[in-house]
PDB file of all heavy atoms in Angstrom:
ATOM      1  N   SER A   1       2.901  -1.348  -3.961  1.00  0.00           N
ATOM      2  CA  SER A   1       3.210  -2.608  -4.652  1.00  0.00           C
ATOM      3  C   SER A   1       2.505  -2.736  -6.001  1.00  0.00           C
ATOM      4  O   SER A   1       2.330  -3.842  -6.509  1.00  0.00           O
ATOM      5  CB  SER A   1       2.819  -3.793  -3.750  1.00  0.00           C
ATOM      6  OG  SER A   1       3.499  -3.720  -2.517  1.00  0.00           O
ATOM      7  N   GLN A   2       2.111  -1.619  -6.566  1.00  0.00           N
ATOM      8  CA  GLN A   2       1.380  -1.644  -7.827  1.00  0.00           C
ATOM      9  C   GLN A   2       2.258  -1.382  -9.041  1.00  0.00           C
ATOM     10  O   GLN A   2       1.755  -1.208 -10.154  1.00  0.00           O
ATOM     11  CB  GLN A   2       0.252  -0.605  -7.778  1.00  0.00           C
ATOM     12  CG  GLN A   2      -0.700  -0.772  -6.601  1.00  0.00           C
ATOM     13  CD  GLN A   2      -1.314  -2.154  -6.553  1.00  0.00           C
ATOM     14  OE1 GLN A   2      -1.888  -2.631  -7.533  1.00  0.00           O
ATOM     15  NE2 GLN A   2      -1.191  -2.812  -5.399  1.00  0.00           N
ATOM     16  N   GLY A   3       3.572  -1.350  -8.856  1.00  0.00           N
ATOM     17  CA  GLY A   3       4.484  -1.102  -9.959  1.00  0.00           C
ATOM     18  C   GLY A   3       4.954  -2.382 -10.623  1.00  0.00           C
ATOM     19  O   GLY A   3       4.310  -3.443 -10.506  1.00  0.00           O
ATOM     20  N   PRO A   4       6.086  -2.339 -11.340  1.00  0.00           N
ATOM     21  CA  PRO A   4       6.621  -3.522 -12.026  1.00  0.00           C
ATOM     22  C   PRO A   4       6.884  -4.679 -11.053  1.00  0.00           C
ATOM     23  O   PRO A   4       7.196  -4.459  -9.884  1.00  0.00           O
ATOM     24  CB  PRO A   4       7.928  -3.007 -12.633  1.00  0.00           C
ATOM     25  CG  PRO A   4       7.767  -1.527 -12.710  1.00  0.00           C
ATOM     26  CD  PRO A   4       6.910  -1.141 -11.565  1.00  0.00           C
ATOM     27  N   THR A   5       6.763  -5.904 -11.557  1.00  0.00           N
ATOM     28  CA  THR A   5       6.947  -7.093 -10.728  1.00  0.00           C
ATOM     29  C   THR A   5       7.872  -8.098 -11.400  1.00  0.00           C
ATOM     30  O   THR A   5       8.161  -7.991 -12.593  1.00  0.00           O
ATOM     31  CB  THR A   5       5.601  -7.784 -10.438  1.00  0.00           C
ATOM     32  OG1 THR A   5       5.042  -8.231 -11.687  1.00  0.00           O
ATOM     33  CG2 THR A   5       4.624  -6.839  -9.752  1.00  0.00           C
ATOM     34  N   MET A   6       8.321  -9.076 -10.625  1.00  0.00           N
ATOM     35  CA  MET A   6       9.046 -10.217 -11.162  1.00  0.00           C
ATOM     36  C   MET A   6       8.279 -11.477 -10.780  1.00  0.00           C
ATOM     37  O   MET A   6       7.507 -11.491  -9.813  1.00  0.00           O
ATOM     38  CB  MET A   6      10.477 -10.275 -10.621  1.00  0.00           C
ATOM     39  CG  MET A   6      10.572 -10.465  -9.115  1.00  0.00           C
ATOM     40  SD  MET A   6      12.272 -10.531  -8.478  1.00  0.00           S
ATOM     41  CE  MET A   6      12.732 -12.203  -8.935  1.00  0.00           C
ATOM     42  N   TYR A   7       8.497 -12.540 -11.544  1.00  0.00           N
ATOM     43  CA  TYR A   7       7.822 -13.810 -11.272  1.00  0.00           C
ATOM     44  C   TYR A   7       8.494 -14.512 -10.096  1.00  0.00           C
ATOM     45  O   TYR A   7       9.729 -14.553  -9.976  1.00  0.00           O
ATOM     46  CB  TYR A   7       7.866 -14.723 -12.490  1.00  0.00           C
ATOM     47  CG  TYR A   7       7.311 -16.108 -12.209  1.00  0.00           C
ATOM     48  CD1 TYR A   7       5.940 -16.338 -12.215  1.00  0.00           C
ATOM     49  CD2 TYR A   7       8.174 -17.167 -11.888  1.00  0.00           C
ATOM     50  CE1 TYR A   7       5.431 -17.597 -11.922  1.00  0.00           C
ATOM     51  CE2 TYR A   7       7.667 -18.427 -11.595  1.00  0.00           C
ATOM     52  CZ  TYR A   7       6.287 -18.632 -11.617  1.00  0.00           C
ATOM     53  OH  TYR A   7       5.799 -19.875 -11.324  1.00  0.00           O
ATOM     54  N   ILE A   8       7.694 -15.078  -9.202  1.00  0.00           N
ATOM     55  CA  ILE A   8       8.161 -15.968  -8.147  1.00  0.00           C
ATOM     56  C   ILE A   8       7.217 -17.165  -8.084  1.00  0.00           C
ATOM     57  O   ILE A   8       6.096 -17.113  -8.607  1.00  0.00           O
ATOM     58  CB  ILE A   8       8.199 -15.277  -6.767  1.00  0.00           C
ATOM     59  CG1 ILE A   8       6.803 -14.748  -6.406  1.00  0.00           C
ATOM     60  CG2 ILE A   8       9.248 -14.178  -6.730  1.00  0.00           C
ATOM     61  CD1 ILE A   8       6.690 -14.231  -4.991  1.00  0.00           C
ATOM     62  N   GLU A   9       7.648 -18.221  -7.450  1.00  0.00           N
ATOM     63  CA  GLU A   9       6.786 -19.376  -7.259  1.00  0.00           C
ATOM     64  C   GLU A   9       5.742 -19.043  -6.192  1.00  0.00           C
ATOM     65  O   GLU A   9       6.078 -18.585  -5.099  1.00  0.00           O
ATOM     66  CB  GLU A   9       7.622 -20.575  -6.802  1.00  0.00           C
ATOM     67  CG  GLU A   9       6.873 -21.897  -6.811  1.00  0.00           C
ATOM     68  CD  GLU A   9       6.623 -22.428  -8.209  1.00  0.00           C
ATOM     69  OE1 GLU A   9       7.434 -22.138  -9.109  1.00  0.00           O
ATOM     70  OE2 GLU A   9       5.603 -23.134  -8.386  1.00  0.00           O
ATOM     71  N   ALA A  10       4.484 -19.236  -6.505  1.00  0.00           N
ATOM     72  CA  ALA A  10       3.424 -18.980  -5.524  1.00  0.00           C
ATOM     73  C   ALA A  10       3.563 -19.941  -4.344  1.00  0.00           C
ATOM     74  O   ALA A  10       4.013 -21.077  -4.493  1.00  0.00           O
ATOM     75  CB  ALA A  10       2.053 -19.138  -6.182  1.00  0.00           C
ATOM     76  N   SER A  11       3.160 -19.477  -3.149  1.00  0.00           N
ATOM     77  CA  SER A  11       3.268 -20.322  -1.961  1.00  0.00           C
ATOM     78  C   SER A  11       2.166 -19.989  -0.969  1.00  0.00           C
ATOM     79  O   SER A  11       2.122 -18.866  -0.446  1.00  0.00           O
ATOM     80  CB  SER A  11       4.629 -20.137  -1.283  1.00  0.00           C
ATOM     81  OG  SER A  11       4.667 -20.829  -0.042  1.00  0.00           O
ATOM     82  N   PRO A  12       1.297 -20.949  -0.643  1.00  0.00           N
ATOM     83  CA  PRO A  12       0.266 -20.703   0.375  1.00  0.00           C
ATOM     84  C   PRO A  12       0.861 -20.502   1.763  1.00  0.00           C
ATOM     85  O   PRO A  12       0.197 -19.949   2.649  1.00  0.00           O
ATOM     86  CB  PRO A  12      -0.598 -21.966   0.318  1.00  0.00           C
ATOM     87  CG  PRO A  12       0.277 -23.015  -0.275  1.00  0.00           C
ATOM     88  CD  PRO A  12       1.181 -22.296  -1.239  1.00  0.00           C
ATOM     89  N   ALA A  13       2.105 -20.934   1.980  1.00  0.00           N
ATOM     90  CA  ALA A  13       2.739 -20.791   3.289  1.00  0.00           C
ATOM     91  C   ALA A  13       3.102 -19.347   3.610  1.00  0.00           C
ATOM     92  O   ALA A  13       3.539 -19.058   4.725  1.00  0.00           O
ATOM     93  CB  ALA A  13       4.000 -21.653   3.355  1.00  0.00           C
ATOM     94  N   ARG A  14       2.901 -18.447   2.651  1.00  0.00           N
ATOM     95  CA  ARG A  14       3.212 -17.035   2.907  1.00  0.00           C
ATOM     96  C   ARG A  14       2.062 -16.280   3.576  1.00  0.00           C
ATOM     97  O   ARG A  14       2.213 -15.100   3.894  1.00  0.00           O
ATOM     98  CB  ARG A  14       3.576 -16.329   1.597  1.00  0.00           C
ATOM     99  CG  ARG A  14       4.909 -16.744   1.026  1.00  0.00           C
ATOM    100  CD  ARG A  14       5.404 -15.787  -0.053  1.00  0.00           C
ATOM    101  NE  ARG A  14       6.768 -16.092  -0.379  1.00  0.00           N
ATOM    102  CZ  ARG A  14       7.175 -16.677  -1.504  1.00  0.00           C
ATOM    103  NH1 ARG A  14       6.278 -17.008  -2.424  1.00  0.00           N
ATOM    104  NH2 ARG A  14       8.446 -16.932  -1.699  1.00  0.00           N
ATOM    105  N   ARG A  15       0.947 -16.907   3.800  1.00  0.00           N
ATOM    106  CA  ARG A  15      -0.165 -16.165   4.393  1.00  0.00           C
ATOM    107  C   ARG A  15       0.222 -15.654   5.775  1.00  0.00           C
ATOM    108  O   ARG A  15       1.049 -16.241   6.475  1.00  0.00           O
ATOM    109  CB  ARG A  15      -1.397 -17.055   4.491  1.00  0.00           C
ATOM    110  CG  ARG A  15      -1.316 -18.128   5.565  1.00  0.00           C
ATOM    111  CD  ARG A  15      -2.602 -18.925   5.679  1.00  0.00           C
ATOM    112  NE  ARG A  15      -2.567 -19.796   6.863  1.00  0.00           N
ATOM    113  CZ  ARG A  15      -2.978 -19.425   8.064  1.00  0.00           C
ATOM    114  NH1 ARG A  15      -3.467 -18.210   8.251  1.00  0.00           N
ATOM    115  NH2 ARG A  15      -2.922 -20.266   9.089  1.00  0.00           N
ATOM    116  N   MET A  16      -0.377 -14.541   6.177  1.00  0.00           N
ATOM    117  CA  MET A  16      -0.112 -14.000   7.504  1.00  0.00           C
ATOM    118  C   MET A  16      -0.936 -14.730   8.557  1.00  0.00           C
ATOM    119  O   MET A  16      -2.078 -15.117   8.296  1.00  0.00           O
ATOM    120  CB  MET A  16      -0.421 -12.500   7.532  1.00  0.00           C
ATOM    121  CG  MET A  16       0.541 -11.665   6.708  1.00  0.00           C
ATOM    122  SD  MET A  16       0.218  -9.887   6.859  1.00  0.00           S
ATOM    123  CE  MET A  16       0.704  -9.597   8.572  1.00  0.00           C
ATOM    124  N   VAL A  17      -0.348 -14.934   9.720  1.00  0.00           N
ATOM    125  CA  VAL A  17      -1.054 -15.600  10.806  1.00  0.00           C
ATOM    126  C   VAL A  17      -1.627 -14.550  11.758  1.00  0.00           C
ATOM    127  O   VAL A  17      -1.062 -13.472  11.941  1.00  0.00           O
ATOM    128  CB  VAL A  17      -0.135 -16.563  11.582  1.00  0.00           C
ATOM    129  CG1 VAL A  17       0.368 -17.668  10.680  1.00  0.00           C
ATOM    130  CG2 VAL A  17       1.036 -15.827  12.221  1.00  0.00           C
ATOM    131  N   SER A  18      -2.746 -14.875  12.362  1.00  0.00           N
ATOM    132  CA  SER A  18      -3.317 -14.010  13.391  1.00  0.00           C
ATOM    133  C   SER A  18      -2.515 -14.154  14.681  1.00  0.00           C
ATOM    134  O   SER A  18      -1.702 -15.076  14.835  1.00  0.00           O
ATOM    135  CB  SER A  18      -4.771 -14.392  13.651  1.00  0.00           C
ATOM    136  OG  SER A  18      -4.842 -15.686  14.248  1.00  0.00           O
ATOM    137  N   LYS A  19      -2.756 -13.269  15.637  1.00  0.00           N
ATOM    138  CA  LYS A  19      -2.082 -13.364  16.931  1.00  0.00           C
ATOM    139  C   LYS A  19      -2.389 -14.713  17.585  1.00  0.00           C
ATOM    140  O   LYS A  19      -1.497 -15.366  18.145  1.00  0.00           O
ATOM    141  CB  LYS A  19      -2.509 -12.214  17.830  1.00  0.00           C
ATOM    142  CG  LYS A  19      -1.744 -12.130  19.147  1.00  0.00           C
ATOM    143  CD  LYS A  19      -2.215 -10.970  19.996  1.00  0.00           C
ATOM    144  CE  LYS A  19      -1.968  -9.636  19.346  1.00  0.00           C
ATOM    145  NZ  LYS A  19      -2.278  -8.508  20.261  1.00  0.00           N
ATOM    146  N   LYS A  20      -3.646 -15.143  17.523  1.00  0.00           N
ATOM    147  CA  LYS A  20      -4.010 -16.416  18.133  1.00  0.00           C
ATOM    148  C   LYS A  20      -3.297 -17.573  17.439  1.00  0.00           C
ATOM    149  O   LYS A  20      -2.818 -18.504  18.102  1.00  0.00           O
ATOM    150  CB  LYS A  20      -5.524 -16.607  18.072  1.00  0.00           C
ATOM    151  CG  LYS A  20      -6.013 -17.826  18.835  1.00  0.00           C
ATOM    152  CD  LYS A  20      -7.529 -17.856  18.929  1.00  0.00           C
ATOM    153  CE  LYS A  20      -8.011 -19.026  19.779  1.00  0.00           C
ATOM    154  NZ  LYS A  20      -9.473 -19.062  19.930  1.00  0.00           N
ATOM    155  N   GLU A  21      -3.186 -17.535  16.105  1.00  0.00           N
ATOM    156  CA  GLU A  21      -2.469 -18.588  15.382  1.00  0.00           C
ATOM    157  C   GLU A  21      -0.985 -18.581  15.732  1.00  0.00           C
ATOM    158  O   GLU A  21      -0.349 -19.635  15.841  1.00  0.00           O
ATOM    159  CB  GLU A  21      -2.656 -18.402  13.881  1.00  0.00           C
ATOM    160  CG  GLU A  21      -4.057 -18.721  13.385  1.00  0.00           C
ATOM    161  CD  GLU A  21      -4.228 -18.381  11.922  1.00  0.00           C
ATOM    162  OE1 GLU A  21      -3.747 -17.307  11.493  1.00  0.00           O
ATOM    163  OE2 GLU A  21      -4.851 -19.175  11.190  1.00  0.00           O
ATOM    164  N   TYR A  22      -0.430 -17.406  15.901  1.00  0.00           N
ATOM    165  CA  TYR A  22       0.967 -17.275  16.300  1.00  0.00           C
ATOM    166  C   TYR A  22       1.205 -18.008  17.628  1.00  0.00           C
ATOM    167  O   TYR A  22       2.180 -18.755  17.790  1.00  0.00           O
ATOM    168  CB  TYR A  22       1.297 -15.793  16.428  1.00  0.00           C
ATOM    169  CG  TYR A  22       2.743 -15.459  16.713  1.00  0.00           C
ATOM    170  CD1 TYR A  22       3.650 -15.269  15.679  1.00  0.00           C
ATOM    171  CD2 TYR A  22       3.196 -15.288  18.023  1.00  0.00           C
ATOM    172  CE1 TYR A  22       4.975 -14.927  15.936  1.00  0.00           C
ATOM    173  CE2 TYR A  22       4.518 -14.955  18.288  1.00  0.00           C
ATOM    174  CZ  TYR A  22       5.398 -14.771  17.242  1.00  0.00           C
ATOM    175  OH  TYR A  22       6.702 -14.431  17.502  1.00  0.00           O
ATOM    176  N   ILE A  23       0.294 -17.807  18.569  1.00  0.00           N
ATOM    177  CA  ILE A  23       0.377 -18.471  19.873  1.00  0.00           C
ATOM    178  C   ILE A  23       0.215 -19.982  19.707  1.00  0.00           C
ATOM    179  O   ILE A  23       0.954 -20.780  20.307  1.00  0.00           O
ATOM    180  CB  ILE A  23      -0.675 -17.888  20.821  1.00  0.00           C
ATOM    181  CG1 ILE A  23      -0.356 -16.423  21.131  1.00  0.00           C
ATOM    182  CG2 ILE A  23      -0.775 -18.705  22.111  1.00  0.00           C
ATOM    183  CD1 ILE A  23      -1.498 -15.656  21.730  1.00  0.00           C
ATOM    184  N   GLU A  24      -0.724 -20.408  18.874  1.00  0.00           N
ATOM    185  CA  GLU A  24      -0.939 -21.830  18.633  1.00  0.00           C
ATOM    186  C   GLU A  24       0.317 -22.494  18.077  1.00  0.00           C
ATOM    187  O   GLU A  24       0.654 -23.628  18.459  1.00  0.00           O
ATOM    188  CB  GLU A  24      -2.105 -22.020  17.670  1.00  0.00           C
ATOM    189  CG  GLU A  24      -3.458 -21.697  18.287  1.00  0.00           C
ATOM    190  CD  GLU A  24      -4.579 -21.661  17.251  1.00  0.00           C
ATOM    191  OE1 GLU A  24      -4.266 -21.669  16.037  1.00  0.00           O
ATOM    192  OE2 GLU A  24      -5.759 -21.618  17.660  1.00  0.00           O
ATOM    193  N   HIS A  25       1.028 -21.814  17.200  1.00  0.00           N
ATOM    194  CA  HIS A  25       2.274 -22.359  16.658  1.00  0.00           C
ATOM    195  C   HIS A  25       3.283 -22.613  17.773  1.00  0.00           C
ATOM    196  O   HIS A  25       4.019 -23.610  17.738  1.00  0.00           O
ATOM    197  CB  HIS A  25       2.870 -21.402  15.617  1.00  0.00           C
ATOM    198  CG  HIS A  25       2.312 -21.576  14.237  1.00  0.00           C
ATOM    199  ND1 HIS A  25       2.761 -22.551  13.382  1.00  0.00           N
ATOM    200  CD2 HIS A  25       1.348 -20.904  13.569  1.00  0.00           C
ATOM    201  CE1 HIS A  25       2.096 -22.478  12.228  1.00  0.00           C
ATOM    202  NE2 HIS A  25       1.238 -21.483  12.323  1.00  0.00           N
ATOM    203  N   HIS A  26       3.335 -21.740  18.770  1.00  0.00           N
ATOM    204  CA  HIS A  26       4.266 -21.941  19.881  1.00  0.00           C
ATOM    205  C   HIS A  26       3.874 -23.158  20.717  1.00  0.00           C
ATOM    206  O   HIS A  26       4.759 -23.873  21.220  1.00  0.00           O
ATOM    207  CB  HIS A  26       4.325 -20.686  20.753  1.00  0.00           C
ATOM    208  CG  HIS A  26       5.158 -19.585  20.168  1.00  0.00           C
ATOM    209  ND1 HIS A  26       4.738 -18.806  19.105  1.00  0.00           N
ATOM    210  CD2 HIS A  26       6.406 -19.159  20.482  1.00  0.00           C
ATOM    211  CE1 HIS A  26       5.681 -17.938  18.800  1.00  0.00           C
ATOM    212  NE2 HIS A  26       6.708 -18.126  19.616  1.00  0.00           N
ATOM    213  N   PHE A  27       2.589 -23.411  20.859  1.00  0.00           N
ATOM    214  CA  PHE A  27       2.164 -24.603  21.605  1.00  0.00           C
ATOM    215  C   PHE A  27       2.422 -25.880  20.810  1.00  0.00           C
ATOM    216  O   PHE A  27       2.640 -26.937  21.403  1.00  0.00           O
ATOM    217  CB  PHE A  27       0.685 -24.486  21.974  1.00  0.00           C
ATOM    218  CG  PHE A  27       0.452 -23.782  23.288  1.00  0.00           C
ATOM    219  CD1 PHE A  27       0.253 -22.412  23.321  1.00  0.00           C
ATOM    220  CD2 PHE A  27       0.458 -24.481  24.482  1.00  0.00           C
ATOM    221  CE1 PHE A  27       0.054 -21.757  24.519  1.00  0.00           C
ATOM    222  CE2 PHE A  27       0.270 -23.836  25.691  1.00  0.00           C
ATOM    223  CZ  PHE A  27       0.065 -22.467  25.719  1.00  0.00           C
ATOM    224  N   ARG A  28       2.395 -25.810  19.503  1.00  0.00           N
ATOM    225  CA  ARG A  28       2.656 -27.003  18.684  1.00  0.00           C
ATOM    226  C   ARG A  28       4.144 -27.268  18.525  1.00  0.00           C
ATOM    227  O   ARG A  28       4.529 -28.345  18.054  1.00  0.00           O
ATOM    228  CB  ARG A  28       2.000 -26.846  17.308  1.00  0.00           C
ATOM    229  CG  ARG A  28       0.476 -26.908  17.336  1.00  0.00           C
ATOM    230  CD  ARG A  28      -0.086 -27.195  15.949  1.00  0.00           C
ATOM    231  NE  ARG A  28       0.194 -26.120  15.012  1.00  0.00           N
ATOM    232  CZ  ARG A  28      -0.622 -25.104  14.753  1.00  0.00           C
ATOM    233  NH1 ARG A  28      -1.774 -25.019  15.399  1.00  0.00           N
ATOM    234  NH2 ARG A  28      -0.299 -24.178  13.872  1.00  0.00           N
ATOM    235  N   SER A  29       4.979 -26.307  18.861  1.00  0.00           N
ATOM    236  CA  SER A  29       6.417 -26.484  18.682  1.00  0.00           C
ATOM    237  C   SER A  29       6.996 -27.317  19.824  1.00  0.00           C
ATOM    238  O   SER A  29       6.345 -27.557  20.837  1.00  0.00           O
ATOM    239  CB  SER A  29       7.111 -25.119  18.636  1.00  0.00           C
ATOM    240  OG  SER A  29       7.204 -24.545  19.928  1.00  0.00           O
ATOM    241  N   THR A  30       8.231 -27.735  19.654  1.00  0.00           N
ATOM    242  CA  THR A  30       8.913 -28.522  20.676  1.00  0.00           C
ATOM    243  C   THR A  30       9.627 -27.582  21.643  1.00  0.00           C
ATOM    244  O   THR A  30       9.520 -26.368  21.559  1.00  0.00           O
ATOM    245  CB  THR A  30       9.912 -29.480  20.023  1.00  0.00           C
ATOM    246  OG1 THR A  30      10.850 -28.722  19.252  1.00  0.00           O
ATOM    247  CG2 THR A  30       9.197 -30.459  19.110  1.00  0.00           C
ATOM    248  N   GLY A  31      10.398 -28.165  22.551  1.00  0.00           N
ATOM    249  CA  GLY A  31      11.150 -27.357  23.499  1.00  0.00           C
ATOM    250  C   GLY A  31      10.322 -26.987  24.714  1.00  0.00           C
ATOM    251  O   GLY A  31       9.104 -27.163  24.753  1.00  0.00           O
ATOM    252  N   ALA A  32      11.010 -26.463  25.725  1.00  0.00           N
ATOM    253  CA  ALA A  32      10.372 -26.105  26.993  1.00  0.00           C
ATOM    254  C   ALA A  32      10.459 -24.593  27.198  1.00  0.00           C
ATOM    255  O   ALA A  32      11.354 -23.932  26.660  1.00  0.00           O
ATOM    256  CB  ALA A  32      11.076 -26.843  28.139  1.00  0.00           C
ATOM    257  N   PRO A  33       9.508 -24.065  28.002  1.00  0.00           N
ATOM    258  CA  PRO A  33       8.294 -24.699  28.500  1.00  0.00           C
ATOM    259  C   PRO A  33       7.231 -24.782  27.405  1.00  0.00           C
ATOM    260  O   PRO A  33       7.362 -24.131  26.362  1.00  0.00           O
ATOM    261  CB  PRO A  33       7.848 -23.756  29.624  1.00  0.00           C
ATOM    262  CG  PRO A  33       8.296 -22.408  29.146  1.00  0.00           C
ATOM    263  CD  PRO A  33       9.606 -22.655  28.454  1.00  0.00           C
ATOM    264  N   GLU A  34       6.193 -25.544  27.629  1.00  0.00           N
ATOM    265  CA  GLU A  34       5.112 -25.632  26.657  1.00  0.00           C
ATOM    266  C   GLU A  34       4.535 -24.238  26.407  1.00  0.00           C
ATOM    267  O   GLU A  34       4.208 -23.516  27.343  1.00  0.00           O
ATOM    268  CB  GLU A  34       3.999 -26.549  27.170  1.00  0.00           C
ATOM    269  CG  GLU A  34       2.866 -26.746  26.167  1.00  0.00           C
ATOM    270  CD  GLU A  34       1.731 -27.581  26.710  1.00  0.00           C
ATOM    271  OE1 GLU A  34       1.651 -27.724  27.956  1.00  0.00           O
ATOM    272  OE2 GLU A  34       0.925 -28.088  25.912  1.00  0.00           O
ATOM    273  N   GLY A  35       4.432 -23.856  25.147  1.00  0.00           N
ATOM    274  CA  GLY A  35       3.907 -22.536  24.798  1.00  0.00           C
ATOM    275  C   GLY A  35       4.934 -21.431  24.857  1.00  0.00           C
ATOM    276  O   GLY A  35       4.673 -20.307  24.446  1.00  0.00           O
TER     277      GLY A  35
END
């Protein structure tokens, strides 16, 4: 990724989540079963 680039809008929402955070997102989501 060290070659030519194009401009995009920066976004903090692009950060990578850890495995534990991934699981936490499932518990915060709706629908059944919990988690």
